[in-house]
């Protein structure tokens, strides 16, 4: 259920609760319809179905991240690692002006995709052996937590890019 609307339902006067509940029911139905349409589109497209299987072969990547990549980042696999990182908004960019030298930070790119990538990366840091080792190495070398997470986001995105480019599922080589 939608959290904000549910909170309003708890604190609303009695006479308005039925209207809020009607809106919540309608929104939940709309979400189910959109999810069903997305699932149907993936099932009907051999290319999307194949890419969906590729993405979900990575530990820490589920249905939401796979859908986000398919819908929000169709260029994946056709750009190099620097270009795809800049497009997704995980490339550190300077904020310089004249003689002033700013700090490097992530900005620009597709922020709506970046937030989904961040959540998937947090799961990957926990469950994906390569990303977990990379994160631990960065933290042990003294990198701040957020810097390490962004670096892992970029690493995961580069892995996705290579997987699509080479059309190969994830596998760990030891």
C-alpha atoms as a PDB file:
ATOM      1  CA  UNK A   1       0.000   0.000   0.000  1.00  0.00           C
ATOM      2  CA  UNK A   2       1.130   3.548  -0.637  1.00  0.00           C
ATOM      3  CA  UNK A   3       2.723   4.786   2.591  1.00  0.00           C
ATOM      4  CA  UNK A   4       1.916   8.509   2.450  1.00  0.00           C
ATOM      5  CA  UNK A   5      -1.735   7.871   1.608  1.00  0.00           C
ATOM      6  CA  UNK A   6      -1.940   5.243   4.326  1.00  0.00           C
ATOM      7  CA  UNK A   7      -0.607   7.768   6.868  1.00  0.00           C
ATOM      8  CA  UNK A   8      -3.230  10.281   5.729  1.00  0.00           C
ATOM      9  CA  UNK A   9      -5.870   7.613   6.149  1.00  0.00           C
ATOM     10  CA  UNK A  10      -4.857   7.085   9.776  1.00  0.00           C
ATOM     11  CA  UNK A  11      -4.985  10.779  10.668  1.00  0.00           C
ATOM     12  CA  UNK A  12      -7.907  11.881   8.486  1.00  0.00           C
ATOM     13  CA  UNK A  13     -11.303  12.817   9.835  1.00  0.00           C
ATOM     14  CA  UNK A  14     -13.848  10.025   9.659  1.00  0.00           C
ATOM     15  CA  UNK A  15     -15.882  11.580   6.846  1.00  0.00           C
ATOM     16  CA  UNK A  16     -12.870  11.736   4.482  1.00  0.00           C
ATOM     17  CA  UNK A  17     -11.430   8.264   5.140  1.00  0.00           C
ATOM     18  CA  UNK A  18     -13.639   6.585   2.537  1.00  0.00           C
ATOM     19  CA  UNK A  19     -12.432   9.018  -0.163  1.00  0.00           C
ATOM     20  CA  UNK A  20      -8.786   8.366   0.716  1.00  0.00           C
ATOM     21  CA  UNK A  21      -9.374   4.597   0.711  1.00  0.00           C
ATOM     22  CA  UNK A  22     -11.015   4.879  -2.730  1.00  0.00           C
ATOM     23  CA  UNK A  23      -7.972   6.752  -4.062  1.00  0.00           C
ATOM     24  CA  UNK A  24      -5.575   4.215  -2.553  1.00  0.00           C
ATOM     25  CA  UNK A  25      -7.501   1.344  -4.150  1.00  0.00           C
ATOM     26  CA  UNK A  26      -7.489   3.123  -7.522  1.00  0.00           C
ATOM     27  CA  UNK A  27      -3.734   3.860  -7.339  1.00  0.00           C
ATOM     28  CA  UNK A  28      -2.930   0.258  -6.401  1.00  0.00           C
ATOM     29  CA  UNK A  29      -4.969  -0.977  -9.376  1.00  0.00           C
ATOM     30  CA  UNK A  30      -3.105   1.439 -11.690  1.00  0.00           C
ATOM     31  CA  UNK A  31       0.247   0.182 -10.388  1.00  0.00           C
ATOM     32  CA  UNK A  32      -0.799  -3.440 -10.934  1.00  0.00           C
ATOM     33  CA  UNK A  33      -1.901  -2.580 -14.494  1.00  0.00           C
ATOM     34  CA  UNK A  34       1.395  -0.846 -15.288  1.00  0.00           C
ATOM     35  CA  UNK A  35       3.375  -3.767 -13.857  1.00  0.00           C
ATOM     36  CA  UNK A  36       1.314  -6.180 -15.931  1.00  0.00           C
ATOM     37  CA  UNK A  37       1.866  -4.098 -19.079  1.00  0.00           C
ATOM     38  CA  UNK A  38       5.629  -3.995 -18.477  1.00  0.00           C
ATOM     39  CA  UNK A  39       5.769  -7.750 -17.889  1.00  0.00           C
ATOM     40  CA  UNK A  40       3.755  -8.327 -21.073  1.00  0.00           C
ATOM     41  CA  UNK A  41       6.059  -6.039 -23.084  1.00  0.00           C
ATOM     42  CA  UNK A  42       9.113  -7.970 -21.878  1.00  0.00           C
ATOM     43  CA  UNK A  43       7.489 -11.326 -22.656  1.00  0.00           C
ATOM     44  CA  UNK A  44       6.538 -10.142 -26.165  1.00  0.00           C
ATOM     45  CA  UNK A  45       9.998  -8.843 -27.054  1.00  0.00           C
ATOM     46  CA  UNK A  46      12.730 -11.460 -27.522  1.00  0.00           C
ATOM     47  CA  UNK A  47      15.424  -8.773 -27.196  1.00  0.00           C
ATOM     48  CA  UNK A  48      14.048  -7.395 -23.918  1.00  0.00           C
ATOM     49  CA  UNK A  49      13.437 -10.904 -22.579  1.00  0.00           C
ATOM     50  CA  UNK A  50      17.053 -11.846 -23.317  1.00  0.00           C
ATOM     51  CA  UNK A  51      18.394  -8.666 -21.682  1.00  0.00           C
ATOM     52  CA  UNK A  52      16.128  -9.189 -18.664  1.00  0.00           C
ATOM     53  CA  UNK A  53      17.638 -12.638 -18.140  1.00  0.00           C
ATOM     54  CA  UNK A  54      21.153 -11.161 -18.523  1.00  0.00           C
ATOM     55  CA  UNK A  55      20.575  -8.456 -15.907  1.00  0.00           C
ATOM     56  CA  UNK A  56      18.927 -10.755 -13.399  1.00  0.00           C
ATOM     57  CA  UNK A  57      21.849 -13.186 -13.619  1.00  0.00           C
ATOM     58  CA  UNK A  58      23.751 -10.677 -11.436  1.00  0.00           C
ATOM     59  CA  UNK A  59      23.278 -11.133  -7.682  1.00  0.00           C
ATOM     60  CA  UNK A  60      21.599  -8.108  -6.168  1.00  0.00           C
ATOM     61  CA  UNK A  61      19.685  -7.325  -9.356  1.00  0.00           C
ATOM     62  CA  UNK A  62      15.999  -8.075  -9.403  1.00  0.00           C
ATOM     63  CA  UNK A  63      12.945  -7.216 -11.409  1.00  0.00           C
ATOM     64  CA  UNK A  64      12.897  -3.489 -10.530  1.00  0.00           C
ATOM     65  CA  UNK A  65      16.510  -2.860 -11.546  1.00  0.00           C
ATOM     66  CA  UNK A  66      16.132  -4.928 -14.679  1.00  0.00           C
ATOM     67  CA  UNK A  67      13.040  -2.934 -15.690  1.00  0.00           C
ATOM     68  CA  UNK A  68      14.825   0.341 -14.908  1.00  0.00           C
ATOM     69  CA  UNK A  69      17.723  -0.578 -17.171  1.00  0.00           C
ATOM     70  CA  UNK A  70      15.457  -1.728 -19.987  1.00  0.00           C
ATOM     71  CA  UNK A  71      13.246   1.371 -19.813  1.00  0.00           C
ATOM     72  CA  UNK A  72      15.641   4.123 -18.754  1.00  0.00           C
ATOM     73  CA  UNK A  73      18.972   3.133 -20.284  1.00  0.00           C
ATOM     74  CA  UNK A  74      18.403   1.664 -23.772  1.00  0.00           C
ATOM     75  CA  UNK A  75      21.874   2.859 -24.838  1.00  0.00           C
ATOM     76  CA  UNK A  76      23.495   0.242 -22.598  1.00  0.00           C
ATOM     77  CA  UNK A  77      25.945  -1.881 -24.553  1.00  0.00           C
ATOM     78  CA  UNK A  78      26.470   0.645 -27.335  1.00  0.00           C
ATOM     79  CA  UNK A  79      28.557   3.173 -25.374  1.00  0.00           C
ATOM     80  CA  UNK A  80      31.961   2.890 -23.709  1.00  0.00           C
ATOM     81  CA  UNK A  81      32.330   2.825 -19.920  1.00  0.00           C
ATOM     82  CA  UNK A  82      32.943   6.570 -19.541  1.00  0.00           C
ATOM     83  CA  UNK A  83      30.011   7.522 -21.747  1.00  0.00           C
ATOM     84  CA  UNK A  84      27.560   5.178 -20.016  1.00  0.00           C
ATOM     85  CA  UNK A  85      28.714   6.400 -16.571  1.00  0.00           C
ATOM     86  CA  UNK A  86      28.162  10.027 -17.607  1.00  0.00           C
ATOM     87  CA  UNK A  87      24.760   9.202 -19.102  1.00  0.00           C
ATOM     88  CA  UNK A  88      23.620   7.449 -15.914  1.00  0.00           C
ATOM     89  CA  UNK A  89      25.012  10.271 -13.770  1.00  0.00           C
ATOM     90  CA  UNK A  90      27.644   8.292 -11.848  1.00  0.00           C
ATOM     91  CA  UNK A  91      30.719   9.894 -13.407  1.00  0.00           C
ATOM     92  CA  UNK A  92      32.463  12.348 -11.069  1.00  0.00           C
ATOM     93  CA  UNK A  93      32.386  15.764 -12.717  1.00  0.00           C
ATOM     94  CA  UNK A  94      34.266  18.935 -11.791  1.00  0.00           C
ATOM     95  CA  UNK A  95      32.501  22.087 -10.646  1.00  0.00           C
ATOM     96  CA  UNK A  96      35.145  24.568 -11.737  1.00  0.00           C
ATOM     97  CA  UNK A  97      34.696  28.179 -12.731  1.00  0.00           C
ATOM     98  CA  UNK A  98      37.569  30.416 -13.725  1.00  0.00           C
ATOM     99  CA  UNK A  99      40.291  30.212 -11.090  1.00  0.00           C
ATOM    100  CA  UNK A 100      38.011  28.414  -8.617  1.00  0.00           C
ATOM    101  CA  UNK A 101      38.517  24.691  -8.461  1.00  0.00           C
ATOM    102  CA  UNK A 102      35.505  22.837  -7.083  1.00  0.00           C
ATOM    103  CA  UNK A 103      35.202  19.321  -5.833  1.00  0.00           C
ATOM    104  CA  UNK A 104      34.304  16.411  -8.037  1.00  0.00           C
ATOM    105  CA  UNK A 105      30.818  15.033  -7.514  1.00  0.00           C
ATOM    106  CA  UNK A 106      28.143  13.161  -9.381  1.00  0.00           C
ATOM    107  CA  UNK A 107      25.422  15.232 -10.984  1.00  0.00           C
ATOM    108  CA  UNK A 108      23.752  15.515 -14.342  1.00  0.00           C
ATOM    109  CA  UNK A 109      22.737  12.352 -16.152  1.00  0.00           C
ATOM    110  CA  UNK A 110      19.553  10.478 -15.442  1.00  0.00           C
ATOM    111  CA  UNK A 111      18.816  11.016 -11.770  1.00  0.00           C
ATOM    112  CA  UNK A 112      15.721   8.815 -11.757  1.00  0.00           C
ATOM    113  CA  UNK A 113      17.828   5.894 -12.982  1.00  0.00           C
ATOM    114  CA  UNK A 114      20.688   6.741 -10.621  1.00  0.00           C
ATOM    115  CA  UNK A 115      18.445   6.333  -7.566  1.00  0.00           C
ATOM    116  CA  UNK A 116      17.356   2.858  -8.706  1.00  0.00           C
ATOM    117  CA  UNK A 117      20.967   1.934  -9.456  1.00  0.00           C
ATOM    118  CA  UNK A 118      21.947   3.070  -5.964  1.00  0.00           C
ATOM    119  CA  UNK A 119      19.410   0.771  -4.290  1.00  0.00           C
ATOM    120  CA  UNK A 120      20.480  -2.168  -6.443  1.00  0.00           C
ATOM    121  CA  UNK A 121      24.123  -1.433  -5.667  1.00  0.00           C
ATOM    122  CA  UNK A 122      23.423  -1.514  -1.945  1.00  0.00           C
ATOM    123  CA  UNK A 123      22.022  -5.028  -2.406  1.00  0.00           C
ATOM    124  CA  UNK A 124      24.983  -5.977  -4.608  1.00  0.00           C
ATOM    125  CA  UNK A 125      27.459  -4.749  -1.977  1.00  0.00           C
ATOM    126  CA  UNK A 126      25.902  -7.271   0.336  1.00  0.00           C
ATOM    127  CA  UNK A 127      25.402 -10.246  -2.019  1.00  0.00           C
ATOM    128  CA  UNK A 128      27.616  -9.837  -5.128  1.00  0.00           C
ATOM    129  CA  UNK A 129      31.124 -11.163  -4.420  1.00  0.00           C
ATOM    130  CA  UNK A 130      32.942  -8.872  -6.875  1.00  0.00           C
ATOM    131  CA  UNK A 131      31.123  -5.686  -5.836  1.00  0.00           C
ATOM    132  CA  UNK A 132      31.428  -6.590  -2.153  1.00  0.00           C
ATOM    133  CA  UNK A 133      35.204  -7.116  -2.454  1.00  0.00           C
ATOM    134  CA  UNK A 134      35.562  -3.863  -4.401  1.00  0.00           C
ATOM    135  CA  UNK A 135      33.566  -1.942  -1.768  1.00  0.00           C
ATOM    136  CA  UNK A 136      35.583  -3.463   1.091  1.00  0.00           C
ATOM    137  CA  UNK A 137      38.863  -2.596  -0.651  1.00  0.00           C
ATOM    138  CA  UNK A 138      37.766   1.022  -1.108  1.00  0.00           C
ATOM    139  CA  UNK A 139      36.618   1.369   2.510  1.00  0.00           C
ATOM    140  CA  UNK A 140      39.822  -0.214   3.850  1.00  0.00           C
ATOM    141  CA  UNK A 141      41.866   2.259   1.814  1.00  0.00           C
ATOM    142  CA  UNK A 142      40.071   5.115   3.593  1.00  0.00           C
ATOM    143  CA  UNK A 143      37.421   6.169   1.075  1.00  0.00           C
ATOM    144  CA  UNK A 144      34.263   7.658   2.597  1.00  0.00           C
ATOM    145  CA  UNK A 145      31.185   5.418   2.542  1.00  0.00           C
ATOM    146  CA  UNK A 146      29.304   7.435  -0.083  1.00  0.00           C
ATOM    147  CA  UNK A 147      32.319   7.625  -2.380  1.00  0.00           C
ATOM    148  CA  UNK A 148      32.709   3.847  -2.155  1.00  0.00           C
ATOM    149  CA  UNK A 149      29.016   3.318  -2.928  1.00  0.00           C
ATOM    150  CA  UNK A 150      29.165   5.586  -5.988  1.00  0.00           C
ATOM    151  CA  UNK A 151      32.284   3.776  -7.202  1.00  0.00           C
ATOM    152  CA  UNK A 152      30.411   0.479  -6.796  1.00  0.00           C
ATOM    153  CA  UNK A 153      27.455   1.939  -8.707  1.00  0.00           C
ATOM    154  CA  UNK A 154      29.771   2.788 -11.558  1.00  0.00           C
ATOM    155  CA  UNK A 155      31.437  -0.647 -11.414  1.00  0.00           C
ATOM    156  CA  UNK A 156      28.042  -2.394 -11.529  1.00  0.00           C
ATOM    157  CA  UNK A 157      26.957  -0.216 -14.453  1.00  0.00           C
ATOM    158  CA  UNK A 158      30.163  -1.042 -16.344  1.00  0.00           C
ATOM    159  CA  UNK A 159      29.513  -4.745 -15.705  1.00  0.00           C
ATOM    160  CA  UNK A 160      25.986  -4.370 -17.145  1.00  0.00           C
ATOM    161  CA  UNK A 161      27.381  -2.514 -20.148  1.00  0.00           C
ATOM    162  CA  UNK A 162      29.903  -5.269 -20.880  1.00  0.00           C
ATOM    163  CA  UNK A 163      27.285  -7.984 -20.405  1.00  0.00           C
ATOM    164  CA  UNK A 164      24.962  -6.374 -22.959  1.00  0.00           C
ATOM    165  CA  UNK A 165      27.796  -5.524 -25.340  1.00  0.00           C
ATOM    166  CA  UNK A 166      29.129  -9.103 -25.301  1.00  0.00           C
ATOM    167  CA  UNK A 167      25.707 -10.734 -24.775  1.00  0.00           C
ATOM    168  CA  UNK A 168      27.029 -12.882 -21.922  1.00  0.00           C
ATOM    169  CA  UNK A 169      25.399 -13.570 -18.536  1.00  0.00           C
ATOM    170  CA  UNK A 170      27.224 -12.933 -15.278  1.00  0.00           C
ATOM    171  CA  UNK A 171      29.663 -15.578 -14.143  1.00  0.00           C
ATOM    172  CA  UNK A 172      32.416 -15.473 -11.558  1.00  0.00           C
ATOM    173  CA  UNK A 173      35.847 -16.543 -12.759  1.00  0.00           C
ATOM    174  CA  UNK A 174      38.184 -17.666 -10.007  1.00  0.00           C
END
